Amino acid sequence: MADEAWCGLSDPLVVCSRGSVVELAAVLPASGRFVVARLDGTRMADSDHVFYAFSNALLFPSYFGWNWNALSDCLRDLHWLPADGYLVIVDNAPQLLPDSAQDRHTLLRILARAARHWASPLGRPQGQVTPFKVLLLCDRDEEAVHLRHDITQALHNGH
């Protein structure tokens, strides 16, 4: 049985506590090539470490610009890493960018924008979408509640 939060697949970012059961079949296509990138929120204490973690996990090309706009562009491109679906898992997600709520909100907006981009049939062959899911893992349910609130703030108060 899948965690109820995970079943709300219309959400671009999904927050789960470690005790949750996640059915990958509900996220990724039944067949094909998939990219699963696993990152650790404790290793992303500042923007430079965020850029490094994503670049390393998703094999960003050498022209990656090491800034928020470049991160957003690369997450919405990924032509160098073709797949039928993408799953980005962030362990210890509540520890992401602990000293900058502004940067954390920027990252959350970028991840949500990437998920929406890949879910859009516009400009795609035969209107086919590509799953791009972001799973943010927390140790405790209380952390998950707080992170969901933070995501809501970031997405609704973003510019």
C-alpha atoms as a PDB file:
ATOM      1  CA  MET A   1       0.000   0.000   0.000  1.00  0.00           C
ATOM      2  CA  ALA A   2       1.429   3.365  -0.993  1.00  0.00           C
ATOM      3  CA  ASP A   3       1.761   6.286   1.381  1.00  0.00           C
ATOM      4  CA  GLU A   4      -1.193   8.665   0.931  1.00  0.00           C
ATOM      5  CA  ALA A   5       1.095  11.651   0.357  1.00  0.00           C
ATOM      6  CA  TRP A   6       2.854   9.790  -2.430  1.00  0.00           C
ATOM      7  CA  CYS A   7      -0.430   9.004  -4.161  1.00  0.00           C
ATOM      8  CA  GLY A   8      -1.036  12.717  -4.677  1.00  0.00           C
ATOM      9  CA  LEU A   9       1.120  12.479  -7.775  1.00  0.00           C
ATOM     10  CA  SER A  10      -0.046  15.828  -9.081  1.00  0.00           C
ATOM     11  CA  ASP A  11       2.233  17.432  -6.493  1.00  0.00           C
ATOM     12  CA  PRO A  12       5.587  18.208  -8.091  1.00  0.00           C
ATOM     13  CA  LEU A  13       7.455  17.518  -4.855  1.00  0.00           C
ATOM     14  CA  VAL A  14       6.572  14.606  -2.590  1.00  0.00           C
ATOM     15  CA  VAL A  15       7.557  14.504   1.072  1.00  0.00           C
ATOM     16  CA  CYS A  16       7.701  11.167   2.877  1.00  0.00           C
ATOM     17  CA  SER A  17       8.893  10.080   6.273  1.00  0.00           C
ATOM     18  CA  ARG A  18      11.222   7.069   6.332  1.00  0.00           C
ATOM     19  CA  GLY A  19       8.432   4.766   7.514  1.00  0.00           C
ATOM     20  CA  SER A  20       6.374   5.416   4.384  1.00  0.00           C
ATOM     21  CA  VAL A  21       6.012   2.821   1.683  1.00  0.00           C
ATOM     22  CA  VAL A  22       6.615   4.158  -1.801  1.00  0.00           C
ATOM     23  CA  GLU A  23       5.458   2.278  -4.866  1.00  0.00           C
ATOM     24  CA  LEU A  24       7.824   3.174  -7.663  1.00  0.00           C
ATOM     25  CA  ALA A  25       5.393   1.716 -10.185  1.00  0.00           C
ATOM     26  CA  ALA A  26       3.084   4.637  -9.379  1.00  0.00           C
ATOM     27  CA  VAL A  27       5.837   7.057 -10.375  1.00  0.00           C
ATOM     28  CA  LEU A  28       7.858   5.563 -13.198  1.00  0.00           C
ATOM     29  CA  PRO A  29       6.715   3.934 -16.430  1.00  0.00           C
ATOM     30  CA  ALA A  30       6.344   0.154 -16.457  1.00  0.00           C
ATOM     31  CA  SER A  31       9.300  -0.241 -18.789  1.00  0.00           C
ATOM     32  CA  GLY A  32      12.149   1.742 -20.226  1.00  0.00           C
ATOM     33  CA  ARG A  33      15.275   3.463 -18.990  1.00  0.00           C
ATOM     34  CA  PHE A  34      15.207   5.372 -15.718  1.00  0.00           C
ATOM     35  CA  VAL A  35      17.584   7.703 -13.990  1.00  0.00           C
ATOM     36  CA  VAL A  36      17.492   7.614 -10.204  1.00  0.00           C
ATOM     37  CA  ALA A  37      19.575  10.291  -8.506  1.00  0.00           C
ATOM     38  CA  ARG A  38      20.052  10.058  -4.755  1.00  0.00           C
ATOM     39  CA  LEU A  39      21.280  13.125  -2.901  1.00  0.00           C
ATOM     40  CA  ASP A  40      21.869  13.849   0.784  1.00  0.00           C
ATOM     41  CA  GLY A  41      20.415  17.032   2.272  1.00  0.00           C
ATOM     42  CA  THR A  42      23.087  17.061   4.987  1.00  0.00           C
ATOM     43  CA  ARG A  43      25.702  17.564   2.255  1.00  0.00           C
ATOM     44  CA  MET A  44      23.866  20.555   0.780  1.00  0.00           C
ATOM     45  CA  ALA A  45      24.451  23.215   3.428  1.00  0.00           C
ATOM     46  CA  ASP A  46      24.940  26.059   0.942  1.00  0.00           C
ATOM     47  CA  SER A  47      24.209  26.797  -2.708  1.00  0.00           C
ATOM     48  CA  ASP A  48      27.663  25.690  -3.912  1.00  0.00           C
ATOM     49  CA  HIS A  49      27.152  22.272  -2.342  1.00  0.00           C
ATOM     50  CA  VAL A  50      23.651  22.066  -3.878  1.00  0.00           C
ATOM     51  CA  PHE A  51      25.084  22.778  -7.333  1.00  0.00           C
ATOM     52  CA  TYR A  52      27.840  20.202  -6.806  1.00  0.00           C
ATOM     53  CA  ALA A  53      25.430  17.522  -5.554  1.00  0.00           C
ATOM     54  CA  PHE A  54      23.036  17.901  -8.486  1.00  0.00           C
ATOM     55  CA  SER A  55      25.854  18.205 -11.016  1.00  0.00           C
ATOM     56  CA  ASN A  56      27.492  15.060  -9.696  1.00  0.00           C
ATOM     57  CA  ALA A  57      24.275  13.031  -9.371  1.00  0.00           C
ATOM     58  CA  LEU A  58      22.888  13.961 -12.803  1.00  0.00           C
ATOM     59  CA  LEU A  59      26.200  14.204 -14.667  1.00  0.00           C
ATOM     60  CA  PHE A  60      25.728  17.840 -15.692  1.00  0.00           C
ATOM     61  CA  PRO A  61      27.785  18.878 -18.719  1.00  0.00           C
ATOM     62  CA  SER A  62      30.959  20.940 -18.345  1.00  0.00           C
ATOM     63  CA  TYR A  63      29.136  24.114 -19.381  1.00  0.00           C
ATOM     64  CA  PHE A  64      26.964  24.021 -16.221  1.00  0.00           C
ATOM     65  CA  GLY A  65      27.079  27.589 -14.870  1.00  0.00           C
ATOM     66  CA  TRP A  66      27.097  26.880 -11.101  1.00  0.00           C
ATOM     67  CA  ASN A  67      24.169  29.177 -10.296  1.00  0.00           C
ATOM     68  CA  TRP A  68      20.411  28.850  -9.730  1.00  0.00           C
ATOM     69  CA  ASN A  69      19.453  29.670 -13.331  1.00  0.00           C
ATOM     70  CA  ALA A  70      21.902  27.082 -14.653  1.00  0.00           C
ATOM     71  CA  LEU A  71      20.542  24.469 -12.240  1.00  0.00           C
ATOM     72  CA  SER A  72      17.016  25.202 -13.422  1.00  0.00           C
ATOM     73  CA  ASP A  73      18.064  25.005 -17.077  1.00  0.00           C
ATOM     74  CA  CYS A  74      19.916  21.707 -16.653  1.00  0.00           C
ATOM     75  CA  LEU A  75      17.065  20.056 -14.727  1.00  0.00           C
ATOM     76  CA  ARG A  76      14.683  20.975 -17.558  1.00  0.00           C
ATOM     77  CA  ASP A  77      17.038  19.721 -20.284  1.00  0.00           C
ATOM     78  CA  LEU A  78      18.901  16.486 -19.389  1.00  0.00           C
ATOM     79  CA  HIS A  79      19.518  15.662 -23.081  1.00  0.00           C
ATOM     80  CA  TRP A  80      22.903  14.193 -22.060  1.00  0.00           C
ATOM     81  CA  LEU A  81      21.095  11.738 -19.775  1.00  0.00           C
ATOM     82  CA  PRO A  82      18.158  10.447 -21.858  1.00  0.00           C
ATOM     83  CA  ALA A  83      15.626   8.371 -19.971  1.00  0.00           C
ATOM     84  CA  ASP A  84      11.976   7.394 -19.898  1.00  0.00           C
ATOM     85  CA  GLY A  85      11.685   8.720 -16.354  1.00  0.00           C
ATOM     86  CA  TYR A  86      13.653  10.554 -13.680  1.00  0.00           C
ATOM     87  CA  LEU A  87      13.464  10.147  -9.921  1.00  0.00           C
ATOM     88  CA  VAL A  88      15.388  12.509  -7.664  1.00  0.00           C
ATOM     89  CA  ILE A  89      15.546  11.329  -4.056  1.00  0.00           C
ATOM     90  CA  VAL A  90      16.801  13.693  -1.387  1.00  0.00           C
ATOM     91  CA  ASP A  91      17.624  11.962   1.889  1.00  0.00           C
ATOM     92  CA  ASN A  92      17.610  14.136   5.018  1.00  0.00           C
ATOM     93  CA  ALA A  93      15.644  16.769   3.118  1.00  0.00           C
ATOM     94  CA  PRO A  94      14.906  18.931   6.198  1.00  0.00           C
ATOM     95  CA  GLN A  95      18.652  19.635   6.433  1.00  0.00           C
ATOM     96  CA  LEU A  96      18.749  21.253   2.971  1.00  0.00           C
ATOM     97  CA  LEU A  97      20.220  24.772   3.060  1.00  0.00           C
ATOM     98  CA  PRO A  98      19.648  25.237   6.818  1.00  0.00           C
ATOM     99  CA  ASP A  99      21.007  28.788   6.980  1.00  0.00           C
ATOM    100  CA  SER A 100      19.054  30.285   4.084  1.00  0.00           C
ATOM    101  CA  ALA A 101      15.294  29.955   3.767  1.00  0.00           C
ATOM    102  CA  GLN A 102      15.519  32.079   0.606  1.00  0.00           C
ATOM    103  CA  ASP A 103      17.921  29.639  -1.086  1.00  0.00           C
ATOM    104  CA  ARG A 104      15.884  26.643   0.127  1.00  0.00           C
ATOM    105  CA  HIS A 105      12.736  28.179  -1.358  1.00  0.00           C
ATOM    106  CA  THR A 106      14.591  28.894  -4.606  1.00  0.00           C
ATOM    107  CA  LEU A 107      15.680  25.245  -4.828  1.00  0.00           C
ATOM    108  CA  LEU A 108      12.159  23.979  -4.076  1.00  0.00           C
ATOM    109  CA  ARG A 109      10.717  26.238  -6.809  1.00  0.00           C
ATOM    110  CA  ILE A 110      13.356  25.031  -9.297  1.00  0.00           C
ATOM    111  CA  LEU A 111      12.570  21.379  -8.529  1.00  0.00           C
ATOM    112  CA  ALA A 112       8.822  21.991  -8.865  1.00  0.00           C
ATOM    113  CA  ARG A 113       9.354  23.879 -12.141  1.00  0.00           C
ATOM    114  CA  ALA A 114      11.427  20.982 -13.518  1.00  0.00           C
ATOM    115  CA  ALA A 115       8.735  18.455 -12.569  1.00  0.00           C
ATOM    116  CA  ARG A 116       6.034  20.565 -14.245  1.00  0.00           C
ATOM    117  CA  HIS A 117       8.221  21.023 -17.327  1.00  0.00           C
ATOM    118  CA  TRP A 118       8.682  17.276 -17.829  1.00  0.00           C
ATOM    119  CA  ALA A 119       4.949  16.672 -17.170  1.00  0.00           C
ATOM    120  CA  SER A 120       3.900  19.061 -19.940  1.00  0.00           C
ATOM    121  CA  PRO A 121       3.065  17.523 -23.332  1.00  0.00           C
ATOM    122  CA  LEU A 122       3.794  20.812 -25.125  1.00  0.00           C
ATOM    123  CA  GLY A 123       6.659  20.547 -27.593  1.00  0.00           C
ATOM    124  CA  ARG A 124       7.087  16.808 -27.029  1.00  0.00           C
ATOM    125  CA  PRO A 125       6.898  14.143 -29.753  1.00  0.00           C
ATOM    126  CA  GLN A 126       3.310  12.848 -29.837  1.00  0.00           C
ATOM    127  CA  GLY A 127       2.672  14.911 -26.689  1.00  0.00           C
ATOM    128  CA  GLN A 128       4.391  12.241 -24.604  1.00  0.00           C
ATOM    129  CA  VAL A 129       5.358  13.327 -21.105  1.00  0.00           C
ATOM    130  CA  THR A 130       8.362  12.115 -19.122  1.00  0.00           C
ATOM    131  CA  PRO A 131       7.961  11.440 -15.404  1.00  0.00           C
ATOM    132  CA  PHE A 132      10.285  13.602 -13.308  1.00  0.00           C
ATOM    133  CA  LYS A 133       9.540  13.071  -9.642  1.00  0.00           C
ATOM    134  CA  VAL A 134      11.230  14.513  -6.591  1.00  0.00           C
ATOM    135  CA  LEU A 135      10.990  12.546  -3.359  1.00  0.00           C
ATOM    136  CA  LEU A 136      12.062  14.395  -0.213  1.00  0.00           C
ATOM    137  CA  LEU A 137      12.729  11.996   2.667  1.00  0.00           C
ATOM    138  CA  CYS A 138      12.457  12.950   6.332  1.00  0.00           C
ATOM    139  CA  ASP A 139      13.337  10.968   9.448  1.00  0.00           C
ATOM    140  CA  ARG A 140      10.225  11.913  11.419  1.00  0.00           C
ATOM    141  CA  ASP A 141       6.618  12.735  10.597  1.00  0.00           C
ATOM    142  CA  GLU A 142       6.980  16.159  12.282  1.00  0.00           C
ATOM    143  CA  GLU A 143       9.812  17.023   9.885  1.00  0.00           C
ATOM    144  CA  ALA A 144       7.642  15.980   6.953  1.00  0.00           C
ATOM    145  CA  VAL A 145       4.812  18.253   8.101  1.00  0.00           C
ATOM    146  CA  HIS A 146       7.215  21.190   8.470  1.00  0.00           C
ATOM    147  CA  LEU A 147       8.809  20.538   5.069  1.00  0.00           C
ATOM    148  CA  ARG A 148       5.411  20.333   3.346  1.00  0.00           C
ATOM    149  CA  HIS A 149       4.572  23.716   4.885  1.00  0.00           C
ATOM    150  CA  ASP A 150       7.915  25.097   3.668  1.00  0.00           C
ATOM    151  CA  ILE A 151       7.195  23.831   0.137  1.00  0.00           C
ATOM    152  CA  THR A 152       3.753  25.431   0.181  1.00  0.00           C
ATOM    153  CA  GLN A 153       5.315  28.746   1.226  1.00  0.00           C
ATOM    154  CA  ALA A 154       8.017  28.505  -1.423  1.00  0.00           C
ATOM    155  CA  LEU A 155       5.630  27.674  -4.264  1.00  0.00           C
ATOM    156  CA  HIS A 156       2.923  30.153  -3.330  1.00  0.00           C
ATOM    157  CA  ASN A 157       5.154  33.058  -2.350  1.00  0.00           C
ATOM    158  CA  GLY A 158       7.636  32.588  -5.193  1.00  0.00           C
ATOM    159  CA  HIS A 159       8.191  35.046  -7.940  1.00  0.00           C
END
